[in-house]
Protein backbone atom coordinates (compact mmCIF):
# COMPACT_ATOMS: atom_id res chain seq x y z
CA ASP A 1 -23.42 -101.32 75.74
CA PRO A 2 -25.43 -104.47 78.22
CA SER A 3 -24.48 -102.33 81.25
CA TRP A 4 -26.66 -99.81 80.03
CA PHE A 5 -29.49 -101.67 78.30
CA GLN A 6 -30.57 -104.65 78.51
CA SER A 7 -29.67 -106.09 74.86
CA GLY A 8 -30.11 -109.45 76.03
CA SER A 9 -34.20 -109.17 76.01
CA TYR A 10 -33.97 -107.00 73.19
CA LYS A 11 -32.70 -109.52 71.25
CA VAL A 12 -35.44 -111.86 72.36
CA PHE A 13 -38.38 -109.18 71.32
CA ASP A 14 -36.44 -108.67 67.67
CA ARG A 15 -36.06 -112.28 66.59
CA ARG A 16 -40.11 -112.24 66.77
CA ALA A 17 -40.68 -109.09 65.12
CA ARG A 18 -38.40 -110.12 62.28
CA SER A 19 -39.81 -113.50 62.59
CA ILE A 20 -43.28 -111.64 62.37
CA LEU A 21 -42.53 -109.51 58.81
CA ASP A 22 -41.06 -112.73 57.70
CA GLY A 23 -43.78 -114.86 58.07
CA GLY A 24 -42.07 -117.48 60.25
CA GLU A 25 -44.69 -116.42 63.74
CA ARG A 26 -48.51 -115.68 63.95
CA LEU A 27 -49.33 -112.15 64.93
CA PHE A 28 -50.75 -113.51 67.70
CA TRP A 29 -51.85 -117.54 68.05
CA ILE A 30 -49.35 -120.05 69.09
CA ASP A 31 -49.29 -123.53 67.03
CA ASP A 32 -46.75 -125.31 69.43
CA PRO A 33 -48.13 -125.80 73.08
CA SER A 34 -44.23 -126.35 73.85
CA ARG A 35 -43.72 -122.46 72.89
CA THR A 36 -43.77 -121.44 76.32
CA ASP A 37 -40.78 -118.47 76.01
CA LEU A 38 -43.54 -117.20 73.14
CA VAL A 39 -45.59 -116.50 76.41
CA GLN A 40 -42.92 -114.95 78.84
CA TYR A 41 -44.00 -111.72 77.80
CA PRO A 42 -47.36 -110.24 76.58
CA PRO A 43 -48.16 -109.86 72.87
CA ALA A 44 -47.40 -106.42 71.90
CA PHE A 45 -44.17 -104.94 72.11
CA PRO A 46 -43.11 -107.32 69.30
CA TRP A 47 -45.49 -106.10 66.92
CA TRP A 48 -44.49 -102.72 67.97
CA ILE A 49 -41.03 -103.25 66.67
CA ALA A 50 -41.91 -104.89 63.79
CA LEU A 51 -44.59 -102.21 63.08
CA ILE A 52 -41.49 -99.58 63.14
CA TYR A 53 -38.87 -101.69 61.00
CA ARG A 54 -41.68 -101.91 58.24
CA VAL A 55 -42.74 -98.14 58.12
CA THR A 56 -39.21 -97.10 58.67
CA GLY A 57 -36.97 -99.15 56.54
CA ASP A 58 -34.81 -99.51 59.01
CA HIS A 59 -34.63 -103.25 60.67
CA SER A 60 -32.61 -101.64 64.07
CA ILE A 61 -32.77 -101.46 67.47
CA TYR A 62 -31.88 -97.49 66.56
CA SER A 63 -35.18 -96.83 64.45
CA VAL A 64 -37.09 -98.21 67.39
CA GLN A 65 -34.92 -95.73 69.86
CA ARG A 66 -35.60 -92.69 67.71
CA VAL A 67 -39.20 -93.44 67.22
CA GLN A 68 -39.89 -93.93 70.94
CA TRP A 69 -37.76 -91.15 72.12
CA ILE A 70 -39.37 -88.66 69.49
CA LEU A 71 -43.09 -89.90 70.82
CA ASP A 72 -42.20 -89.93 74.88
CA LEU A 73 -40.95 -86.24 74.91
CA LEU A 74 -44.46 -85.35 73.20
CA LEU A 75 -46.62 -87.81 74.68
CA SER A 76 -45.18 -88.12 78.30
CA LEU A 77 -45.37 -84.05 78.69
CA VAL A 78 -48.71 -83.88 77.29
CA LEU A 79 -50.06 -86.28 79.32
CA ILE A 80 -48.42 -85.25 82.71
CA ALA A 81 -49.96 -81.51 82.18
CA GLY A 82 -53.60 -82.99 81.56
CA ILE A 83 -53.45 -85.01 84.16
CA ALA A 84 -52.47 -81.68 86.41
CA VAL A 85 -54.52 -79.51 84.54
CA THR A 86 -57.38 -81.99 85.29
CA ALA A 87 -56.42 -81.80 88.92
CA TYR A 88 -55.07 -78.74 90.34
CA GLY A 89 -55.02 -76.40 86.76
CA TRP A 90 -52.70 -74.85 84.36
CA ARG A 91 -50.02 -73.30 86.75
CA VAL A 92 -49.48 -76.59 88.10
CA ALA A 93 -49.20 -78.20 84.51
CA ILE A 94 -47.02 -75.92 83.76
CA ALA A 95 -44.81 -76.39 86.42
CA ALA A 96 -45.17 -80.55 86.47
CA SER A 97 -44.31 -80.30 82.77
CA PHE A 98 -41.22 -78.14 83.33
CA LEU A 99 -39.79 -80.60 86.19
CA ALA A 100 -40.30 -83.70 83.86
CA ALA A 101 -38.58 -82.46 81.13
CA PHE A 102 -35.73 -82.04 82.99
CA SER A 103 -35.74 -85.23 84.52
CA PRO A 104 -32.61 -88.06 83.78
CA LEU A 105 -35.17 -90.94 84.79
CA LEU A 106 -37.63 -89.81 82.47
CA ALA A 107 -35.44 -89.01 79.76
CA MET A 108 -33.27 -91.86 79.87
CA TYR A 109 -35.98 -94.40 79.90
CA GLY A 110 -37.63 -92.79 77.57
CA ALA A 111 -34.87 -92.86 74.79
CA TRP A 112 -34.60 -96.93 75.62
CA PRO A 113 -35.94 -99.14 72.87
CA SER A 114 -37.74 -101.00 75.75
CA SER A 115 -41.83 -101.71 76.48
CA ASP A 116 -41.33 -99.18 79.63
CA ALA A 117 -41.89 -95.95 77.55
CA PRO A 118 -45.21 -97.31 75.71
CA THR A 119 -46.70 -99.17 78.54
CA SER A 120 -46.37 -95.67 80.54
CA TRP A 121 -47.94 -93.50 77.77
CA LEU A 122 -51.28 -95.92 78.03
CA VAL A 123 -51.10 -96.18 82.24
CA LEU A 124 -50.97 -91.85 81.96
CA GLY A 125 -54.03 -92.18 79.69
CA ALA A 126 -55.68 -94.35 81.37
CA THR A 127 -54.81 -92.18 84.49
CA TRP A 128 -56.10 -88.76 82.95
CA MET A 129 -58.85 -90.49 82.22
CA LEU A 130 -59.71 -91.99 85.20
CA LEU A 131 -59.52 -87.90 86.36
CA LEU A 132 -62.23 -87.13 84.14
CA ALA A 133 -64.32 -89.98 85.08
CA ALA A 134 -64.59 -89.49 88.72
CA LYS A 135 -65.06 -85.66 88.49
CA THR A 136 -67.74 -85.94 85.37
CA ARG A 137 -69.38 -88.91 86.66
CA SER A 138 -69.18 -90.66 83.37
CA VAL A 139 -69.38 -94.35 82.36
CA ARG A 140 -67.45 -93.42 79.14
CA TRP A 141 -64.15 -91.91 80.56
CA ALA A 142 -64.48 -94.96 83.07
CA ILE A 143 -64.97 -97.25 79.37
CA GLY A 144 -61.82 -95.23 78.11
CA SER A 145 -60.16 -95.48 80.92
CA GLY A 146 -60.36 -99.33 81.67
CA LEU A 147 -59.33 -99.52 77.67
CA MET A 148 -56.23 -97.71 78.14
CA LEU A 149 -55.06 -100.26 81.39
CA GLY A 150 -56.04 -103.23 78.82
CA ALA A 151 -54.08 -102.10 76.25
CA ALA A 152 -50.82 -101.37 78.74
CA CYS A 153 -51.00 -104.87 79.74
CA TRP A 154 -50.43 -106.03 76.31
CA PHE A 155 -47.01 -104.65 76.73
CA ARG A 156 -46.08 -105.04 79.84
CA VAL A 157 -47.22 -107.56 83.07
CA ASN A 158 -47.17 -104.56 85.85
CA PRO A 159 -50.22 -102.94 85.39
CA LEU A 160 -52.55 -105.98 85.44
CA PHE A 161 -54.47 -105.52 88.30
CA LEU A 162 -54.11 -101.28 88.54
CA SER A 163 -58.16 -101.83 86.90
CA VAL A 164 -59.10 -103.08 90.49
CA THR A 165 -57.33 -101.08 92.68
CA TRP A 166 -58.84 -98.29 90.99
CA SER A 167 -62.48 -99.75 90.63
CA LEU A 168 -62.42 -99.72 94.36
CA GLY A 169 -60.82 -96.80 94.76
CA LEU A 170 -64.28 -95.60 92.90
CA LEU A 171 -66.87 -98.12 94.48
CA LEU A 172 -65.75 -97.14 98.16
CA LEU A 173 -64.46 -93.32 97.86
CA LEU A 174 -66.49 -91.45 95.59
CA PRO A 175 -68.64 -88.99 97.11
CA ALA A 176 -71.64 -90.19 94.62
CA ALA A 177 -74.91 -92.17 94.86
CA TRP A 178 -74.57 -95.66 95.25
CA ARG A 179 -75.53 -96.38 91.63
CA ASP A 180 -72.88 -93.87 90.03
CA ARG A 181 -70.26 -95.50 91.78
CA VAL A 182 -71.03 -98.84 91.20
CA ARG A 183 -71.30 -97.86 87.28
CA LEU A 184 -68.38 -96.41 86.93
CA SER A 185 -66.33 -99.42 88.97
CA LEU A 186 -67.83 -101.95 86.74
CA ALA A 187 -67.44 -100.13 83.59
CA LEU A 188 -63.62 -99.29 84.22
CA THR A 189 -63.25 -103.17 85.53
CA ILE A 190 -65.11 -104.65 82.85
CA SER A 191 -63.79 -102.68 79.79
CA SER A 192 -60.32 -103.72 81.14
CA MET A 193 -60.73 -107.24 81.85
CA LEU A 194 -62.31 -107.52 78.49
CA LEU A 195 -59.10 -106.18 76.74
CA VAL A 196 -57.20 -108.82 78.13
CA ALA A 197 -59.18 -111.27 78.11
CA PRO A 198 -58.32 -112.48 74.44
CA ILE A 199 -54.59 -113.43 75.72
CA THR A 200 -55.92 -115.14 78.79
CA LEU A 201 -58.41 -117.38 76.33
CA ARG A 202 -55.15 -118.08 73.83
CA ASN A 203 -53.15 -119.06 76.59
CA ALA A 204 -55.73 -121.26 78.08
CA ILE A 205 -56.89 -123.01 74.94
CA VAL A 206 -53.04 -123.29 73.69
CA PHE A 207 -51.50 -124.52 77.09
CA HIS A 208 -54.50 -125.57 79.44
CA GLU A 209 -53.73 -123.20 81.94
CA PHE A 210 -54.50 -120.39 83.40
CA LEU A 211 -51.96 -117.59 82.76
CA PRO A 212 -53.75 -114.17 82.57
CA ASN A 213 -50.79 -112.26 81.08
CA GLY A 214 -47.17 -113.04 81.00
CA LEU A 215 -44.81 -115.93 82.55
CA ASN A 216 -42.15 -113.79 84.74
CA LEU A 217 -44.03 -113.67 88.09
CA GLY A 218 -41.07 -116.43 89.28
CA VAL A 219 -38.30 -115.30 87.84
CA ASN A 220 -39.11 -111.86 89.74
CA LEU A 221 -39.76 -113.58 93.32
CA TRP A 222 -37.01 -116.27 92.49
CA GLU A 223 -34.52 -113.15 91.56
CA GLY A 224 -35.33 -110.79 94.70
CA LEU A 225 -34.92 -113.05 96.89
CA GLY A 226 -31.58 -113.81 95.41
CA GLU A 227 -30.87 -110.52 96.59
CA THR A 228 -30.76 -111.16 99.95
CA GLU A 229 -28.95 -113.12 102.53
CA ARG A 230 -31.75 -115.89 103.43
CA GLY A 231 -32.54 -116.05 99.55
CA VAL A 232 -28.74 -116.99 98.47
CA ALA A 233 -28.91 -119.30 101.67
CA ALA A 234 -32.09 -121.26 100.27
CA GLY A 235 -30.75 -121.39 96.89
CA MET A 236 -31.90 -118.42 94.82
CA VAL A 237 -29.39 -116.49 92.93
CA MET A 238 -29.88 -113.00 91.08
CA SER A 239 -29.38 -113.16 87.27
CA ASP A 240 -31.18 -115.30 84.80
CA GLN A 241 -28.13 -117.13 83.71
CA LYS A 242 -27.37 -118.34 86.98
CA MET A 243 -30.83 -119.50 87.56
CA VAL A 244 -31.45 -121.22 84.16
CA GLU A 245 -27.86 -122.72 85.41
CA ILE A 246 -29.14 -124.25 88.40
CA GLU A 247 -31.99 -125.32 86.57
CA ARG A 248 -30.14 -126.70 83.68
CA LYS A 249 -28.70 -129.24 86.08
CA GLU A 250 -32.31 -130.12 87.64
CA LEU A 251 -33.53 -131.12 84.33
CA ASN A 252 -30.20 -133.22 83.25
CA LEU A 253 -29.84 -130.93 80.15
CA PRO A 254 -26.76 -131.36 78.30
CA PRO A 255 -24.62 -128.07 78.09
CA GLU A 256 -25.37 -127.43 74.47
CA TYR A 257 -29.39 -127.83 74.97
CA PRO A 258 -30.58 -124.23 74.60
CA ILE A 259 -32.96 -123.16 77.54
CA THR A 260 -34.13 -119.97 78.65
CA PRO A 261 -36.34 -118.78 81.84
CA ALA A 262 -39.46 -119.52 79.61
CA TYR A 263 -38.22 -122.86 77.44
CA PRO A 264 -38.89 -125.57 77.92
CA ASP A 265 -41.51 -126.60 79.89
CA GLY A 266 -41.16 -122.79 81.07
CA ILE A 267 -44.99 -122.68 82.64
CA ARG A 268 -43.65 -125.61 85.40
CA ARG A 269 -40.48 -124.00 86.10
CA ASP A 270 -42.14 -120.49 86.56
CA ARG A 271 -44.61 -121.90 89.00
CA LYS A 272 -41.94 -123.98 90.87
CA ARG A 273 -40.04 -121.23 91.22
CA VAL A 274 -43.27 -119.29 92.70
CA ARG A 275 -43.78 -122.49 95.14
CA ASP A 276 -40.10 -121.89 95.98
CA SER A 277 -39.88 -118.29 96.80
CA LEU A 278 -43.43 -118.48 98.69
CA GLN A 279 -41.78 -121.07 101.28
CA VAL A 280 -38.77 -118.87 101.93
CA ILE A 281 -41.27 -116.04 102.17
CA ALA A 282 -43.73 -117.76 104.21
CA ALA A 283 -41.51 -118.56 106.67
CA ASN A 284 -39.81 -115.25 107.48
CA PRO A 285 -43.11 -112.93 106.59
CA ILE A 286 -41.90 -109.96 108.94
CA TRP A 287 -38.48 -110.14 107.72
CA TYR A 288 -40.21 -109.70 104.03
CA VAL A 289 -42.13 -107.27 104.60
CA GLY A 290 -39.14 -105.33 105.74
CA VAL A 291 -36.79 -106.47 102.32
CA MET A 292 -39.91 -104.67 100.30
CA GLY A 293 -39.99 -101.70 102.62
CA ARG A 294 -36.45 -101.28 101.31
CA ARG A 295 -37.06 -102.14 97.78
CA ALA A 296 -40.09 -99.00 97.91
CA VAL A 297 -37.71 -96.86 99.85
CA ARG A 298 -35.31 -97.59 97.33
CA LEU A 299 -37.48 -97.06 94.62
CA LEU A 300 -37.57 -93.70 95.24
CA LYS A 301 -33.69 -92.43 95.40
CA LEU A 302 -33.51 -90.22 92.43
CA ALA A 303 -29.95 -88.76 93.17
CA GLY A 304 -26.61 -90.01 94.12
CA ASP A 305 -24.79 -93.55 93.86
CA PRO A 306 -27.48 -96.07 91.91
CA ALA A 307 -29.87 -98.57 94.53
CA PRO A 308 -28.39 -101.58 94.34
CA TYR A 309 -30.41 -104.18 92.01
CA GLN A 310 -32.91 -101.44 90.78
CA ALA A 311 -30.61 -99.69 88.04
CA SER A 312 -29.78 -96.04 87.29
CA ALA A 313 -32.17 -93.07 87.92
CA GLY A 314 -30.61 -91.59 84.59
CA ILE A 315 -27.74 -89.40 84.00
CA ASN A 316 -27.01 -85.49 83.87
CA VAL A 317 -26.42 -84.00 80.56
CA THR A 318 -22.63 -82.89 80.15
CA SER A 319 -20.93 -81.42 76.30
CA LYS A 320 -18.33 -84.19 77.14
CA LYS A 321 -21.17 -87.03 77.07
CA CYS A 322 -23.71 -85.56 74.58
CA LEU A 323 -21.42 -83.65 72.38
CA GLY A 324 -18.83 -84.80 69.89
CA PRO A 325 -15.16 -83.00 69.81
CA ALA A 326 -15.48 -80.53 67.33
CA TRP A 327 -18.67 -79.12 69.74
CA GLN A 328 -17.37 -79.32 73.31
CA GLY A 329 -16.01 -75.78 73.13
CA GLY A 330 -18.67 -73.67 71.58
CA GLY A 331 -21.73 -71.98 73.09
CA LEU A 332 -23.89 -74.98 72.50
CA ALA A 333 -21.20 -76.87 75.23
CA ILE A 334 -21.87 -74.19 77.08
CA ILE A 335 -25.78 -74.42 77.39
CA VAL A 336 -25.34 -78.37 77.70
CA ASP A 337 -23.57 -78.29 80.43
CA GLY A 338 -25.89 -75.55 81.77
CA LEU A 339 -28.98 -77.52 81.39
CA GLY A 340 -27.05 -80.33 83.32
CA MET A 341 -26.51 -78.15 86.21
CA VAL A 342 -29.97 -77.25 86.60
CA GLN A 343 -31.03 -81.22 86.11
CA SER A 344 -28.50 -81.48 89.41
CA VAL A 345 -30.22 -78.97 91.16
CA ILE A 346 -33.51 -80.56 90.30
CA ARG A 347 -32.50 -84.11 91.21
CA TYR A 348 -31.68 -83.13 94.50
CA LEU A 349 -34.84 -81.07 95.24
CA ILE A 350 -37.36 -83.19 93.67
CA LEU A 351 -38.08 -85.86 95.62
CA LEU A 352 -39.01 -82.81 98.73
CA LEU A 353 -40.84 -81.55 96.51
CA MET A 354 -42.90 -84.49 95.38
CA LEU A 355 -43.22 -85.89 99.31
CA PHE A 356 -44.35 -81.73 100.13
CA GLY A 357 -46.44 -81.70 96.73
CA VAL A 358 -48.74 -84.86 98.09
CA TRP A 359 -49.67 -83.24 101.49
CA LEU A 360 -50.33 -79.47 99.52
CA GLY A 361 -52.12 -81.76 96.75
CA LEU A 362 -54.51 -83.35 99.44
CA ARG A 363 -55.27 -79.90 100.44
CA LYS A 364 -55.92 -78.51 97.04
CA ASN A 365 -57.98 -80.72 95.52
CA LYS A 366 -58.20 -84.47 98.32
CA LEU A 367 -60.31 -86.35 95.91
CA GLY A 368 -57.72 -85.96 92.54
CA SER A 369 -54.93 -86.38 94.75
CA THR A 370 -56.19 -89.17 96.24
CA TRP A 371 -56.38 -91.29 92.65
CA LEU A 372 -53.01 -90.26 92.30
CA LEU A 373 -52.22 -91.74 95.54
CA ILE A 374 -53.77 -95.04 94.75
CA THR A 375 -51.72 -95.82 91.41
CA VAL A 376 -48.45 -94.08 93.82
CA PHE A 377 -49.06 -96.65 96.02
CA TYR A 378 -49.74 -99.40 93.25
CA TYR A 379 -47.11 -98.96 91.96
CA LEU A 380 -44.82 -99.08 95.19
CA PHE A 381 -46.35 -102.41 96.25
CA THR A 382 -46.25 -103.96 93.29
CA CYS A 383 -42.62 -103.35 92.12
CA SER A 384 -41.22 -104.32 95.97
CA VAL A 385 -42.96 -107.59 95.85
CA GLY A 386 -39.91 -109.27 93.89
CA HIS A 387 -36.74 -108.31 91.83
CA THR A 388 -37.63 -104.49 90.37
CA GLU A 389 -36.01 -102.00 87.86
CA MET A 390 -36.79 -97.79 88.59
CA ARG A 391 -38.65 -98.38 84.47
CA TYR A 392 -41.04 -100.53 85.67
CA ALA A 393 -42.78 -97.90 87.96
CA LEU A 394 -42.36 -94.82 85.25
CA PRO A 395 -46.18 -94.20 85.23
CA MET A 396 -45.11 -94.01 89.33
CA TYR A 397 -42.56 -91.17 88.46
CA SER A 398 -44.59 -89.58 85.89
CA VAL A 399 -47.52 -89.00 88.74
CA LEU A 400 -45.02 -87.85 91.05
CA PHE A 401 -43.75 -85.30 88.89
CA VAL A 402 -47.48 -83.56 88.87
CA PHE A 403 -47.22 -83.47 92.74
CA ALA A 404 -43.68 -81.69 92.67
CA GLY A 405 -45.64 -79.33 90.36
CA VAL A 406 -47.94 -78.52 92.76
CA THR A 407 -45.04 -77.62 95.24
CA VAL A 408 -43.44 -75.56 92.99
CA ALA A 409 -47.25 -74.02 91.58
CA GLN A 410 -48.33 -73.03 95.39
CA THR A 411 -44.71 -71.78 96.27
CA ILE A 412 -44.82 -69.22 93.50
CA GLU A 413 -47.88 -68.24 93.91
CA ALA A 414 -47.24 -68.16 97.98
CA ILE A 415 -44.16 -65.26 97.05
CA ARG A 416 -46.70 -63.51 94.44
CA SER A 417 -49.26 -62.89 96.84
CA ARG A 418 -46.84 -61.52 99.50
CA LYS A 419 -45.39 -59.27 97.08
CA PRO A 420 -47.21 -55.58 96.37
CA SER A 421 -48.98 -55.00 93.24
CA PRO A 422 -47.56 -52.09 91.51
CA ARG A 423 -51.25 -50.22 92.34
CA THR A 424 -50.43 -50.87 95.79
CA ALA A 425 -47.24 -50.15 96.03
CA VAL A 426 -47.86 -46.54 94.93
CA ALA A 427 -50.94 -46.10 97.43
CA GLU A 428 -48.56 -46.76 99.90
CA ASP A 429 -45.96 -44.29 98.67
CA SER A 430 -48.69 -41.68 98.24
CA ASN A 431 -50.00 -41.90 102.16
């Protein structure tokens, strides 16, 4: 259903995965420099789909969905717990895992057969290793963190500059000798760059262009402006299809010519979109800062009606949505509806728990909280620059659930500390 899932994008990955399995497309190299559509996205997700197709024997979108939602169930909770226990301890890890398990947002996008969930696993793994590197001053953990980030960039472009942001944080904020800060910072940056370098080198050799990792910057800027009145006045639109039709006319291509956002001549066209978008932004910089701020705020809208353009924050489970007619009148239906009620309560409280948890987390572990906040602000900034969707920022939401876990754990601890122990109560009664 295109209203729930971007099936059009999946068709691109599915076609490439089938072509890889059939031998019609090389795994990594691109022989034809006119095929700019092959660099629209990083290369790993078609590989991942092809691997699932080969292992399961089921060449359908549902095999990818089944594999990813099982892996996401296990990996996301383990990684969120690992980050939480390293930064704040086991009580926070248990609370954060509980809250994340009830999240409609994490549940829905974990079940989507897209590259967002695998990217999130890798970024969360990198975040955990960053905490360990900063805590132990270990170059090995820093290298591991950089490699995980580099691997994430093979699935999505979004984490591309996160290693630079983290490295600056290590260099400027880590309370250690200058030599240790430089070592950790360089280890993280270089390891990440080395893993992304093959993509950049391939693109430079094949297309004679500097393309670090993907070809969608112009699309996101153009369509992001298409969400605004000033962008529309300048000719921008919020739709791949409408954008392509505008460019079809500019290129004088006939109606039957197969044109996509990245083909033909995708590199030149995307750079033109970037230039056109930057002209609008440069002419109205203060206005655009406001646009970015509103996008960042909308990314944090986890309850109520979905924010415009940024997709849904997930749905609460109910027996009518999730169970067949034969199951809707029994005990299982009561359990499912009960879970949906718990989800609803948590969903409206969660942002408050997250924000309060930031303050508590800084008091509990200032340095660990700083690394996590760098990740949060990185995604808030990069996802607010152009058109964005909530699924792009899955690692940020997972980190925010850790902060929510701090609030819950600290609240429970405060309540328990005020309640007298049985031994104390007996002593008071005897007096």
